[in-house]
Amino acid sequence: MTELLKQFNRKNNCEASEELGQNRNKAVLYVHGKGGNAEEAEHYMELFPECDVYGLDYRTDLPWETNLEVESVVNDLSGRYRHIILIANSIGAFYSINANIGEKIERAFFIHRWLIWKN
């Protein structure tokens, strides 16, 4: 599922995919909303300087398919990182809430124009 992830590297940070997660123990996963993209995750690098930041570029639009993509990516990241922080926007929050990932997420931030919910 790494083809669904886009990592935003800092200068002097690990660049080879096999090295990801070895220098740091925290990852941030951003799940965009409708019309968004994985590149939006780059905004969170400044807020989480101690973490490797990833954007999920999901390929489906149906909740029962996209939640499986989210679950698969979180499973992959949890094998490389001790702590995972989820940031999900709008429909991306809906997909993430319906994925079976609760036990693997240390903290979640759900962003919606009518609701800002912090776990």
N, C-alpha and C. Protein backbone atom coordinates (compact mmCIF):
# COMPACT_ATOMS: atom_id res chain seq x y z
N MET A 1 0.81 -1.20 0.00
CA MET A 1 0.00 0.00 0.00
C MET A 1 0.86 1.26 0.00
N THR A 2 2.16 1.11 -0.03
CA THR A 2 3.01 2.30 -0.01
C THR A 2 2.81 3.16 -1.24
N GLU A 3 2.26 2.62 -2.32
CA GLU A 3 2.00 3.43 -3.50
C GLU A 3 0.90 4.45 -3.24
N LEU A 4 0.13 4.28 -2.18
CA LEU A 4 -0.91 5.23 -1.81
C LEU A 4 -0.38 6.36 -0.93
N LEU A 5 0.85 6.20 -0.43
CA LEU A 5 1.41 7.18 0.50
C LEU A 5 2.39 8.10 -0.20
N LYS A 6 2.34 9.35 0.20
CA LYS A 6 3.35 10.30 -0.24
C LYS A 6 3.99 10.86 1.02
N GLN A 7 5.31 10.70 1.15
CA GLN A 7 6.01 11.22 2.31
C GLN A 7 6.60 12.58 1.98
N PHE A 8 6.56 13.45 2.98
CA PHE A 8 7.13 14.78 2.84
C PHE A 8 8.37 14.83 3.70
N ASN A 9 9.53 14.78 3.04
CA ASN A 9 10.83 14.72 3.72
C ASN A 9 11.33 16.10 4.07
N ARG A 10 12.06 16.15 5.15
CA ARG A 10 12.80 17.35 5.52
C ARG A 10 14.22 17.18 4.99
N LYS A 11 14.92 18.26 4.86
CA LYS A 11 16.33 18.16 4.47
C LYS A 11 17.06 17.34 5.53
N ASN A 12 17.99 16.52 5.10
CA ASN A 12 18.78 15.64 5.97
C ASN A 12 17.95 14.55 6.63
N ASN A 13 16.74 14.33 6.18
CA ASN A 13 15.92 13.24 6.73
C ASN A 13 16.12 12.03 5.82
N CYS A 14 15.73 10.87 6.30
CA CYS A 14 15.89 9.66 5.51
C CYS A 14 15.10 9.79 4.21
N GLU A 15 15.68 9.34 3.12
CA GLU A 15 15.03 9.46 1.83
C GLU A 15 14.64 8.11 1.24
N ALA A 16 15.38 7.08 1.52
CA ALA A 16 15.06 5.77 0.95
C ALA A 16 13.89 5.15 1.70
N SER A 17 12.95 4.57 0.97
CA SER A 17 11.74 4.05 1.61
C SER A 17 12.04 2.97 2.64
N GLU A 18 13.11 2.20 2.43
CA GLU A 18 13.42 1.15 3.41
C GLU A 18 13.95 1.74 4.73
N GLU A 19 14.34 3.01 4.72
CA GLU A 19 14.84 3.65 5.93
C GLU A 19 13.74 4.36 6.70
N LEU A 20 12.57 4.52 6.11
CA LEU A 20 11.52 5.28 6.77
C LEU A 20 11.15 4.63 8.09
N GLY A 21 10.98 5.44 9.10
CA GLY A 21 10.60 4.93 10.40
C GLY A 21 11.77 4.51 11.26
N GLN A 22 12.96 4.44 10.70
CA GLN A 22 14.11 4.01 11.50
C GLN A 22 14.72 5.16 12.29
N ASN A 23 14.64 6.38 11.78
CA ASN A 23 15.23 7.52 12.47
C ASN A 23 14.24 8.19 13.42
N ARG A 24 12.99 7.96 13.25
CA ARG A 24 11.95 8.59 14.06
C ARG A 24 10.99 7.51 14.52
N ASN A 25 10.24 7.82 15.58
CA ASN A 25 9.28 6.81 16.03
C ASN A 25 7.84 7.28 15.94
N LYS A 26 7.62 8.47 15.33
CA LYS A 26 6.26 9.00 15.18
C LYS A 26 5.98 9.32 13.72
N ALA A 27 4.77 8.99 13.31
CA ALA A 27 4.32 9.33 11.96
C ALA A 27 3.00 10.07 12.06
N VAL A 28 2.81 11.01 11.16
CA VAL A 28 1.53 11.69 10.98
C VAL A 28 0.97 11.23 9.65
N LEU A 29 -0.28 10.79 9.66
CA LEU A 29 -0.96 10.41 8.43
C LEU A 29 -2.10 11.39 8.20
N TYR A 30 -2.09 12.04 7.04
CA TYR A 30 -3.15 12.98 6.66
C TYR A 30 -4.03 12.32 5.60
N VAL A 31 -5.35 12.35 5.84
CA VAL A 31 -6.32 11.82 4.88
C VAL A 31 -7.17 13.00 4.41
N HIS A 32 -7.04 13.34 3.15
CA HIS A 32 -7.70 14.54 2.61
C HIS A 32 -9.19 14.33 2.39
N GLY A 33 -9.87 15.45 2.17
CA GLY A 33 -11.29 15.43 1.86
C GLY A 33 -11.54 15.39 0.36
N LYS A 34 -12.82 15.44 -0.02
CA LYS A 34 -13.19 15.41 -1.45
C LYS A 34 -12.58 16.62 -2.16
N GLY A 35 -11.96 16.34 -3.28
CA GLY A 35 -11.32 17.40 -4.05
C GLY A 35 -9.93 17.76 -3.55
N GLY A 36 -9.51 17.16 -2.45
CA GLY A 36 -8.18 17.43 -1.90
C GLY A 36 -7.15 16.47 -2.48
N ASN A 37 -5.96 16.51 -1.91
CA ASN A 37 -4.91 15.60 -2.37
C ASN A 37 -3.89 15.37 -1.26
N ALA A 38 -3.06 14.40 -1.47
CA ALA A 38 -2.06 14.00 -0.47
C ALA A 38 -1.07 15.12 -0.17
N GLU A 39 -0.84 16.01 -1.13
CA GLU A 39 0.13 17.10 -0.95
C GLU A 39 -0.28 18.05 0.17
N GLU A 40 -1.56 18.07 0.54
CA GLU A 40 -2.01 18.92 1.64
C GLU A 40 -1.31 18.56 2.95
N ALA A 41 -0.81 17.34 3.05
CA ALA A 41 -0.12 16.89 4.26
C ALA A 41 1.12 17.71 4.55
N GLU A 42 1.69 18.30 3.53
CA GLU A 42 2.91 19.09 3.70
C GLU A 42 2.72 20.23 4.70
N HIS A 43 1.50 20.74 4.82
CA HIS A 43 1.22 21.83 5.76
C HIS A 43 1.47 21.41 7.21
N TYR A 44 1.42 20.13 7.49
CA TYR A 44 1.54 19.65 8.87
C TYR A 44 2.98 19.38 9.30
N MET A 45 3.93 19.50 8.38
CA MET A 45 5.33 19.30 8.74
C MET A 45 5.79 20.29 9.80
N GLU A 46 5.35 21.53 9.68
CA GLU A 46 5.74 22.55 10.63
C GLU A 46 5.11 22.32 12.01
N LEU A 47 3.89 21.79 12.02
CA LEU A 47 3.20 21.55 13.29
C LEU A 47 3.70 20.30 14.01
N PHE A 48 4.28 19.37 13.25
CA PHE A 48 4.77 18.11 13.82
C PHE A 48 6.21 17.87 13.37
N PRO A 49 7.15 18.71 13.82
CA PRO A 49 8.53 18.60 13.34
C PRO A 49 9.23 17.32 13.77
N GLU A 50 8.74 16.67 14.82
CA GLU A 50 9.37 15.44 15.31
C GLU A 50 8.87 14.19 14.59
N CYS A 51 7.96 14.38 13.63
CA CYS A 51 7.31 13.24 12.97
C CYS A 51 7.64 13.17 11.49
N ASP A 52 7.56 11.97 10.94
CA ASP A 52 7.52 11.80 9.49
C ASP A 52 6.07 12.02 9.08
N VAL A 53 5.86 12.83 8.07
CA VAL A 53 4.51 13.21 7.66
C VAL A 53 4.18 12.56 6.32
N TYR A 54 3.00 11.93 6.27
CA TYR A 54 2.53 11.25 5.07
C TYR A 54 1.16 11.77 4.67
N GLY A 55 0.92 11.80 3.39
CA GLY A 55 -0.42 12.07 2.86
C GLY A 55 -0.92 10.82 2.17
N LEU A 56 -2.16 10.46 2.43
CA LEU A 56 -2.77 9.29 1.79
C LEU A 56 -3.45 9.73 0.50
N ASP A 57 -3.06 9.14 -0.59
CA ASP A 57 -3.66 9.42 -1.89
C ASP A 57 -4.62 8.28 -2.22
N TYR A 58 -5.79 8.29 -1.55
CA TYR A 58 -6.72 7.18 -1.76
C TYR A 58 -7.27 7.20 -3.18
N ARG A 59 -7.62 6.02 -3.66
CA ARG A 59 -8.01 5.87 -5.07
C ARG A 59 -9.47 5.53 -5.26
N THR A 60 -10.19 5.33 -4.18
CA THR A 60 -11.60 4.97 -4.28
C THR A 60 -12.45 6.07 -3.66
N ASP A 61 -13.74 6.03 -3.93
CA ASP A 61 -14.66 7.02 -3.38
C ASP A 61 -15.79 6.40 -2.59
N LEU A 62 -15.81 5.10 -2.50
CA LEU A 62 -16.88 4.43 -1.76
C LEU A 62 -16.38 4.10 -0.36
N PRO A 63 -17.18 4.41 0.67
CA PRO A 63 -16.71 4.23 2.05
C PRO A 63 -16.22 2.82 2.35
N TRP A 64 -16.90 1.80 1.84
CA TRP A 64 -16.51 0.43 2.15
C TRP A 64 -15.24 0.02 1.41
N GLU A 65 -14.79 0.80 0.45
CA GLU A 65 -13.51 0.55 -0.21
C GLU A 65 -12.41 1.45 0.37
N THR A 66 -12.73 2.72 0.54
CA THR A 66 -11.72 3.66 1.02
C THR A 66 -11.31 3.37 2.45
N ASN A 67 -12.25 2.93 3.29
CA ASN A 67 -11.85 2.61 4.66
C ASN A 67 -10.86 1.45 4.69
N LEU A 68 -10.92 0.56 3.71
CA LEU A 68 -9.94 -0.53 3.62
C LEU A 68 -8.56 0.01 3.22
N GLU A 69 -8.55 1.02 2.35
CA GLU A 69 -7.27 1.65 1.99
C GLU A 69 -6.64 2.32 3.22
N VAL A 70 -7.46 3.05 3.98
CA VAL A 70 -6.97 3.71 5.19
C VAL A 70 -6.44 2.67 6.16
N GLU A 71 -7.20 1.61 6.37
CA GLU A 71 -6.78 0.55 7.30
C GLU A 71 -5.47 -0.09 6.86
N SER A 72 -5.32 -0.35 5.57
CA SER A 72 -4.11 -0.98 5.06
C SER A 72 -2.88 -0.09 5.27
N VAL A 73 -3.04 1.19 5.00
CA VAL A 73 -1.92 2.13 5.16
C VAL A 73 -1.54 2.26 6.63
N VAL A 74 -2.53 2.34 7.52
CA VAL A 74 -2.24 2.43 8.95
C VAL A 74 -1.55 1.15 9.43
N ASN A 75 -1.99 0.01 8.95
CA ASN A 75 -1.31 -1.25 9.30
C ASN A 75 0.14 -1.23 8.86
N ASP A 76 0.39 -0.73 7.66
CA ASP A 76 1.76 -0.63 7.15
C ASP A 76 2.60 0.31 8.02
N LEU A 77 2.06 1.48 8.32
CA LEU A 77 2.80 2.44 9.15
C LEU A 77 3.03 1.92 10.56
N SER A 78 2.06 1.20 11.11
CA SER A 78 2.20 0.71 12.48
C SER A 78 3.30 -0.34 12.60
N GLY A 79 3.68 -0.94 11.48
CA GLY A 79 4.81 -1.87 11.49
C GLY A 79 6.15 -1.16 11.51
N ARG A 80 6.16 0.14 11.20
CA ARG A 80 7.41 0.90 11.14
C ARG A 80 7.53 2.00 12.19
N TYR A 81 6.40 2.37 12.78
CA TYR A 81 6.40 3.47 13.75
C TYR A 81 5.72 3.02 15.04
N ARG A 82 6.20 3.54 16.16
CA ARG A 82 5.58 3.22 17.46
C ARG A 82 4.34 4.06 17.69
N HIS A 83 4.31 5.28 17.14
CA HIS A 83 3.20 6.20 17.37
C HIS A 83 2.70 6.74 16.04
N ILE A 84 1.38 6.72 15.86
CA ILE A 84 0.77 7.26 14.65
C ILE A 84 -0.28 8.29 15.05
N ILE A 85 -0.17 9.46 14.45
CA ILE A 85 -1.14 10.53 14.63
C ILE A 85 -1.92 10.65 13.33
N LEU A 86 -3.23 10.68 13.43
CA LEU A 86 -4.10 10.78 12.25
C LEU A 86 -4.67 12.18 12.19
N ILE A 87 -4.60 12.79 11.01
CA ILE A 87 -5.29 14.04 10.73
C ILE A 87 -6.15 13.77 9.51
N ALA A 88 -7.45 13.96 9.65
CA ALA A 88 -8.35 13.64 8.54
C ALA A 88 -9.33 14.79 8.34
N ASN A 89 -9.55 15.14 7.09
CA ASN A 89 -10.36 16.29 6.73
C ASN A 89 -11.64 15.84 6.03
N SER A 90 -12.78 16.34 6.49
CA SER A 90 -14.07 16.18 5.83
C SER A 90 -14.39 14.70 5.56
N ILE A 91 -14.60 14.33 4.31
CA ILE A 91 -14.95 12.94 3.99
C ILE A 91 -13.79 12.01 4.34
N GLY A 92 -12.56 12.52 4.35
CA GLY A 92 -11.42 11.72 4.80
C GLY A 92 -11.57 11.32 6.26
N ALA A 93 -12.18 12.21 7.06
CA ALA A 93 -12.45 11.87 8.47
C ALA A 93 -13.50 10.77 8.54
N PHE A 94 -14.52 10.86 7.71
CA PHE A 94 -15.56 9.83 7.68
C PHE A 94 -14.95 8.48 7.32
N TYR A 95 -14.13 8.46 6.27
CA TYR A 95 -13.47 7.21 5.88
C TYR A 95 -12.62 6.66 7.01
N SER A 96 -11.89 7.53 7.68
CA SER A 96 -10.99 7.09 8.75
C SER A 96 -11.74 6.57 9.97
N ILE A 97 -12.84 7.23 10.31
CA ILE A 97 -13.65 6.79 11.45
C ILE A 97 -14.20 5.39 11.19
N ASN A 98 -14.51 5.09 9.94
CA ASN A 98 -15.08 3.79 9.59
C ASN A 98 -14.04 2.71 9.32
N ALA A 99 -12.78 3.08 9.32
CA ALA A 99 -11.70 2.09 9.17
C ALA A 99 -11.44 1.46 10.54
N ASN A 100 -10.94 0.28 10.53
CA ASN A 100 -10.67 -0.45 11.78
C ASN A 100 -9.25 -0.13 12.26
N ILE A 101 -9.04 1.12 12.72
CA ILE A 101 -7.68 1.56 13.05
C ILE A 101 -7.54 2.13 14.46
N GLY A 102 -8.61 2.17 15.21
CA GLY A 102 -8.62 2.84 16.51
C GLY A 102 -7.50 2.45 17.45
N GLU A 103 -7.16 1.19 17.50
CA GLU A 103 -6.13 0.73 18.44
C GLU A 103 -4.71 1.08 17.98
N LYS A 104 -4.55 1.46 16.73
CA LYS A 104 -3.22 1.75 16.20
C LYS A 104 -2.92 3.24 16.15
N ILE A 105 -3.92 4.05 16.45
CA ILE A 105 -3.78 5.50 16.39
C ILE A 105 -3.60 6.05 17.80
N GLU A 106 -2.54 6.81 17.99
CA GLU A 106 -2.30 7.42 19.31
C GLU A 106 -3.20 8.63 19.53
N ARG A 107 -3.38 9.42 18.49
CA ARG A 107 -4.17 10.64 18.58
C ARG A 107 -4.77 10.90 17.21
N ALA A 108 -6.00 11.45 17.21
CA ALA A 108 -6.67 11.75 15.95
C ALA A 108 -7.23 13.16 15.98
N PHE A 109 -7.09 13.85 14.86
CA PHE A 109 -7.68 15.17 14.68
C PHE A 109 -8.58 15.09 13.46
N PHE A 110 -9.87 15.35 13.66
CA PHE A 110 -10.84 15.31 12.56
C PHE A 110 -11.27 16.75 12.27
N ILE A 111 -11.10 17.15 11.03
CA ILE A 111 -11.37 18.53 10.63
C ILE A 111 -12.56 18.54 9.67
N HIS A 112 -13.52 19.37 9.99
CA HIS A 112 -14.69 19.53 9.13
C HIS A 112 -15.15 20.96 9.29
N ARG A 113 -15.73 21.53 8.27
CA ARG A 113 -16.09 22.94 8.37
C ARG A 113 -17.17 23.20 9.41
N TRP A 114 -17.91 22.18 9.80
CA TRP A 114 -18.91 22.35 10.86
C TRP A 114 -18.44 21.76 12.18
N LEU A 115 -17.37 21.00 12.14
CA LEU A 115 -16.95 20.28 13.34
C LEU A 115 -15.43 20.20 13.38
N ILE A 116 -14.86 20.52 14.50
CA ILE A 116 -13.45 20.25 14.74
C ILE A 116 -13.41 19.40 15.99
N TRP A 117 -12.97 18.17 15.84
CA TRP A 117 -13.02 17.19 16.92
C TRP A 117 -11.62 16.68 17.17
N LYS A 118 -11.18 16.80 18.41
CA LYS A 118 -9.84 16.34 18.78
C LYS A 118 -9.99 15.20 19.76
N ASN A 119 -9.29 14.10 19.51
CA ASN A 119 -9.31 12.95 20.41
C ASN A 119 -8.13 13.06 21.34
